[in-house]
Amino acid sequence: MLDFRRRILRWFRRHGRDLPWRRTRDPYAVLVAEVMLQQTQVSRVTEYYDTFLTACPTVDSLAAATPSQVRALWHGLGYYRRANNLHALAREVVTQYDGQLPRDPAALATLPGVGRYTAGAVATFAYEQAVPAVDTNVDRVIRRAFHPRTPHDAAGNARVWKTAGRLVPRRGRAAWTFNQGIMELGAIRCTARMADCPHCPVRPTCATGRRKGERPSDMLAGT
């Protein structure tokens, strides 16, 4: 696991995409990005992210907006329930947390529209906490690398989350980088359609990558 972690860190530091939400540690801005990214492509979110934050730059300003204003800002992103949940979340944070998003993932997970992944993402990407954040991309990478035969059931999901927790570095900044990196790997290399093993930085430490490397055709493809 240590070699896997080091390879992710090194690769992301060299090749990670420059995305606007990666330039901030503001919990509110991170949260907005994470909600927008649910079931929406990165390229689409980049079209709306800055505009939304310009109109509602703080959780207080979002809480003060009307539902119609929030819906107008969200228009075109689809899945409008996300906007409704984000609006309700802002109002709850203002009334219950004095306008400050909690640092604790368990507290974050109680807010409207926030699941286990989003709670972990805000905790690590905003507060640099050493906690796992397992989205579909991370789940795919961990399963292919460590648990290729694990079923997609409650026990299998728990196993993936446990492995993710063991992989995350203990230092906050490194945890931020690692979680961004393993997510990035799943987004552009280890995708749902194709595992690009010949160009994958963790291939030597990945169960799926090593198995493919044993096949002559794959060895030729990597030369």
Protein backbone atom coordinates (compact mmCIF):
# COMPACT_ATOMS: atom_id res chain seq x y z
CA MET A 1 0.00 0.00 0.00
CA LEU A 2 2.86 2.38 0.72
CA ASP A 3 4.21 2.08 -2.82
CA PHE A 4 0.70 2.58 -4.26
CA ARG A 5 0.29 5.73 -2.19
CA ARG A 6 3.67 7.13 -3.22
CA ARG A 7 2.96 6.52 -6.88
CA ILE A 8 -0.40 8.31 -6.67
CA LEU A 9 1.16 11.30 -4.90
CA ARG A 10 4.03 11.59 -7.38
CA TRP A 11 1.79 11.19 -10.43
CA PHE A 12 -0.82 13.72 -9.30
CA ARG A 13 1.76 16.34 -8.41
CA ARG A 14 3.06 16.12 -11.96
CA HIS A 15 -0.11 15.53 -13.95
CA GLY A 16 -3.13 16.64 -11.91
CA ARG A 17 -5.53 18.95 -13.74
CA ASP A 18 -5.77 22.57 -12.66
CA LEU A 19 -9.43 22.82 -11.62
CA PRO A 20 -10.88 25.90 -9.90
CA TRP A 21 -12.08 24.07 -6.80
CA ARG A 22 -8.57 22.69 -6.29
CA ARG A 23 -7.28 26.22 -5.74
CA THR A 24 -9.28 26.84 -2.59
CA ARG A 25 -9.63 25.49 0.93
CA ASP A 26 -12.82 27.45 1.58
CA PRO A 27 -15.26 24.82 2.91
CA TYR A 28 -18.27 26.46 1.27
CA ALA A 29 -16.59 26.70 -2.15
CA VAL A 30 -15.43 23.08 -1.86
CA LEU A 31 -18.95 21.99 -0.94
CA VAL A 32 -20.51 23.81 -3.89
CA ALA A 33 -18.10 22.05 -6.25
CA GLU A 34 -18.76 18.64 -4.74
CA VAL A 35 -22.53 19.06 -5.03
CA MET A 36 -22.24 20.28 -8.62
CA LEU A 37 -19.97 17.38 -9.54
CA GLN A 38 -22.54 14.80 -8.49
CA GLN A 39 -23.64 13.10 -11.73
CA THR A 40 -22.22 15.97 -13.82
CA GLN A 41 -19.06 16.11 -15.93
CA VAL A 42 -16.16 18.31 -14.85
CA SER A 43 -16.28 20.33 -18.07
CA ARG A 44 -19.92 21.20 -17.43
CA VAL A 45 -19.33 22.19 -13.81
CA THR A 46 -16.52 24.58 -14.75
CA GLU A 47 -19.06 26.56 -16.78
CA TYR A 48 -21.23 27.22 -13.72
CA TYR A 49 -18.93 27.12 -10.69
CA ASP A 50 -17.49 30.66 -10.76
CA THR A 51 -20.82 32.22 -11.74
CA PHE A 52 -22.58 30.55 -8.83
CA LEU A 53 -19.92 31.64 -6.35
CA THR A 54 -19.97 35.18 -7.68
CA ALA A 55 -23.72 35.38 -7.08
CA CYS A 56 -23.59 33.53 -3.73
CA PRO A 57 -20.02 33.85 -2.43
CA THR A 58 -20.75 32.67 1.13
CA VAL A 59 -23.03 30.22 2.86
CA ASP A 60 -24.86 33.20 4.39
CA SER A 61 -25.58 34.72 0.98
CA LEU A 62 -26.87 31.39 -0.31
CA ALA A 63 -29.09 30.99 2.73
CA ALA A 64 -30.51 34.49 2.13
CA ALA A 65 -31.31 33.78 -1.54
CA THR A 66 -34.79 32.81 -2.64
CA PRO A 67 -35.51 29.35 -4.07
CA SER A 68 -36.17 30.89 -7.48
CA GLN A 69 -32.80 32.69 -7.42
CA VAL A 70 -30.97 29.48 -6.56
CA ARG A 71 -32.83 27.56 -9.24
CA ALA A 72 -31.97 30.22 -11.82
CA LEU A 73 -28.27 29.97 -10.96
CA TRP A 74 -28.50 26.18 -11.27
CA HIS A 75 -30.39 26.24 -14.56
CA GLY A 76 -28.64 23.99 -17.09
CA LEU A 77 -26.85 21.77 -14.58
CA GLY A 78 -29.84 19.48 -14.14
CA TYR A 79 -30.75 17.31 -11.13
CA TYR A 80 -32.35 20.31 -9.43
CA ARG A 81 -32.84 18.43 -6.19
CA ARG A 82 -29.14 19.07 -5.58
CA ALA A 83 -29.76 22.82 -5.69
CA ASN A 84 -32.69 22.47 -3.30
CA ASN A 85 -30.59 20.43 -0.89
CA LEU A 86 -27.69 22.88 -1.10
CA HIS A 87 -30.04 25.76 -0.34
CA ALA A 88 -31.55 23.90 2.63
CA LEU A 89 -28.05 23.02 3.82
CA ALA A 90 -26.98 26.66 3.75
CA ARG A 91 -29.94 27.69 5.86
CA GLU A 92 -29.28 24.92 8.37
CA VAL A 93 -25.60 25.83 8.63
CA VAL A 94 -26.50 29.46 9.30
CA THR A 95 -29.02 28.59 12.01
CA GLN A 96 -27.32 25.59 13.60
CA TYR A 97 -23.60 26.23 13.05
CA ASP A 98 -23.36 30.03 12.98
CA GLY A 99 -22.54 29.98 9.28
CA GLN A 100 -19.53 27.65 9.61
CA LEU A 101 -19.51 24.26 7.94
CA PRO A 102 -18.56 21.56 10.48
CA ARG A 103 -15.12 19.99 10.30
CA ASP A 104 -16.32 16.60 11.54
CA PRO A 105 -17.39 14.25 8.71
CA ALA A 106 -20.09 12.76 10.95
CA ALA A 107 -21.61 16.21 11.52
CA LEU A 108 -21.31 17.06 7.82
CA ALA A 109 -23.15 13.86 6.92
CA THR A 110 -26.23 15.01 8.85
CA LEU A 111 -26.72 18.03 6.56
CA PRO A 112 -29.26 17.96 3.68
CA GLY A 113 -27.95 16.20 0.58
CA VAL A 114 -24.61 15.24 2.15
CA GLY A 115 -23.67 11.58 2.05
CA ARG A 116 -20.60 9.77 3.28
CA TYR A 117 -18.50 10.68 0.26
CA THR A 118 -19.35 14.40 0.26
CA ALA A 119 -18.72 14.59 4.01
CA GLY A 120 -15.28 13.03 3.53
CA ALA A 121 -14.53 15.24 0.54
CA VAL A 122 -15.28 18.47 2.40
CA ALA A 123 -13.34 17.28 5.44
CA THR A 124 -10.23 16.45 3.41
CA PHE A 125 -10.37 19.04 0.59
CA ALA A 126 -11.34 21.99 2.80
CA TYR A 127 -9.98 21.07 6.23
CA GLU A 128 -7.15 18.74 5.09
CA GLN A 129 -8.27 15.97 7.40
CA ALA A 130 -6.83 12.51 6.88
CA VAL A 131 -10.12 10.81 6.04
CA PRO A 132 -11.18 8.75 3.01
CA ALA A 133 -13.49 10.10 0.31
CA VAL A 134 -14.76 7.27 -1.86
CA ASP A 135 -16.70 8.30 -4.95
CA THR A 136 -17.37 6.06 -7.96
CA ASN A 137 -13.91 6.74 -9.39
CA VAL A 138 -12.09 5.94 -6.16
CA ASP A 139 -14.23 2.86 -5.61
CA ARG A 140 -13.30 1.60 -9.08
CA VAL A 141 -9.57 2.17 -8.59
CA ILE A 142 -9.48 0.47 -5.20
CA ARG A 143 -11.46 -2.51 -6.39
CA ARG A 144 -9.25 -3.02 -9.43
CA ALA A 145 -6.05 -2.49 -7.48
CA PHE A 146 -6.80 -4.41 -4.26
CA HIS A 147 -10.18 -6.19 -4.41
CA PRO A 148 -10.93 -7.20 -8.02
CA ARG A 149 -13.41 -9.90 -7.01
CA THR A 150 -15.19 -8.03 -4.24
CA PRO A 151 -18.96 -7.86 -4.87
CA HIS A 152 -20.84 -4.56 -4.98
CA ASP A 153 -22.80 -5.17 -1.80
CA ALA A 154 -22.74 -3.71 1.70
CA ALA A 155 -19.85 -5.88 2.81
CA GLY A 156 -17.88 -5.15 -0.35
CA ASN A 157 -18.44 -1.42 -0.01
CA ALA A 158 -17.33 -1.53 3.62
CA ARG A 159 -14.16 -3.33 2.55
CA VAL A 160 -13.39 -0.62 -0.04
CA TRP A 161 -13.91 2.16 2.50
CA LYS A 162 -11.65 0.37 4.98
CA THR A 163 -8.90 0.07 2.38
CA ALA A 164 -9.35 3.74 1.43
CA GLY A 165 -8.90 4.69 5.07
CA ARG A 166 -5.66 2.72 5.28
CA LEU A 167 -4.34 4.34 2.11
CA VAL A 168 -4.86 7.97 3.14
CA PRO A 169 -1.65 9.60 4.45
CA ARG A 170 -1.78 10.84 8.03
CA ARG A 171 -0.53 14.33 7.20
CA GLY A 172 -3.27 16.70 6.10
CA ARG A 173 -1.67 18.19 2.99
CA ALA A 174 -0.58 14.76 1.75
CA ALA A 175 -4.10 13.45 2.46
CA TRP A 176 -5.53 16.23 0.29
CA THR A 177 -3.12 15.37 -2.52
CA PHE A 178 -3.68 11.63 -2.29
CA ASN A 179 -7.47 11.85 -2.30
CA GLN A 180 -7.38 14.23 -5.26
CA GLY A 181 -4.90 11.96 -7.00
CA ILE A 182 -6.74 8.66 -6.66
CA MET A 183 -9.92 10.41 -7.80
CA GLU A 184 -8.07 11.86 -10.78
CA LEU A 185 -6.68 8.45 -11.68
CA GLY A 186 -10.18 7.01 -11.82
CA ALA A 187 -11.39 9.93 -13.90
CA ILE A 188 -8.75 9.91 -16.64
CA ARG A 189 -6.83 6.60 -16.54
CA CYS A 190 -8.76 3.89 -14.72
CA THR A 191 -12.14 4.76 -16.19
CA ALA A 192 -15.34 2.75 -16.24
CA ARG A 193 -14.99 2.12 -19.98
CA MET A 194 -11.32 1.22 -20.02
CA ALA A 195 -8.49 0.53 -17.61
CA ASP A 196 -5.51 2.19 -19.33
CA CYS A 197 -3.02 -0.09 -17.62
CA PRO A 198 -0.05 0.56 -19.95
CA HIS A 199 -0.04 4.23 -18.92
CA CYS A 200 -1.13 3.81 -15.31
CA PRO A 201 1.31 5.00 -12.62
CA VAL A 202 0.23 2.33 -10.13
CA ARG A 203 0.30 -0.64 -12.49
CA PRO A 204 3.14 -2.47 -10.65
CA THR A 205 1.16 -2.34 -7.40
CA CYS A 206 -2.29 -3.06 -8.89
CA ALA A 207 -3.77 -6.56 -8.97
CA THR A 208 -5.57 -5.88 -12.26
CA GLY A 209 -2.57 -4.15 -13.83
CA ARG A 210 -0.19 -6.97 -12.92
CA ARG A 211 -2.58 -9.57 -14.28
CA LYS A 212 -2.92 -7.72 -17.59
CA GLY A 213 0.83 -7.31 -17.72
CA GLU A 214 1.22 -11.07 -17.83
CA ARG A 215 -0.59 -11.24 -21.18
CA PRO A 216 1.67 -10.98 -24.28
CA SER A 217 -0.72 -8.61 -26.09
CA ASP A 218 -0.71 -6.21 -23.17
CA MET A 219 3.07 -6.35 -22.92
CA LEU A 220 3.34 -5.43 -26.58
CA ALA A 221 0.85 -2.60 -26.16
CA GLY A 222 2.97 -1.09 -23.43
CA THR A 223 6.17 -1.00 -25.48
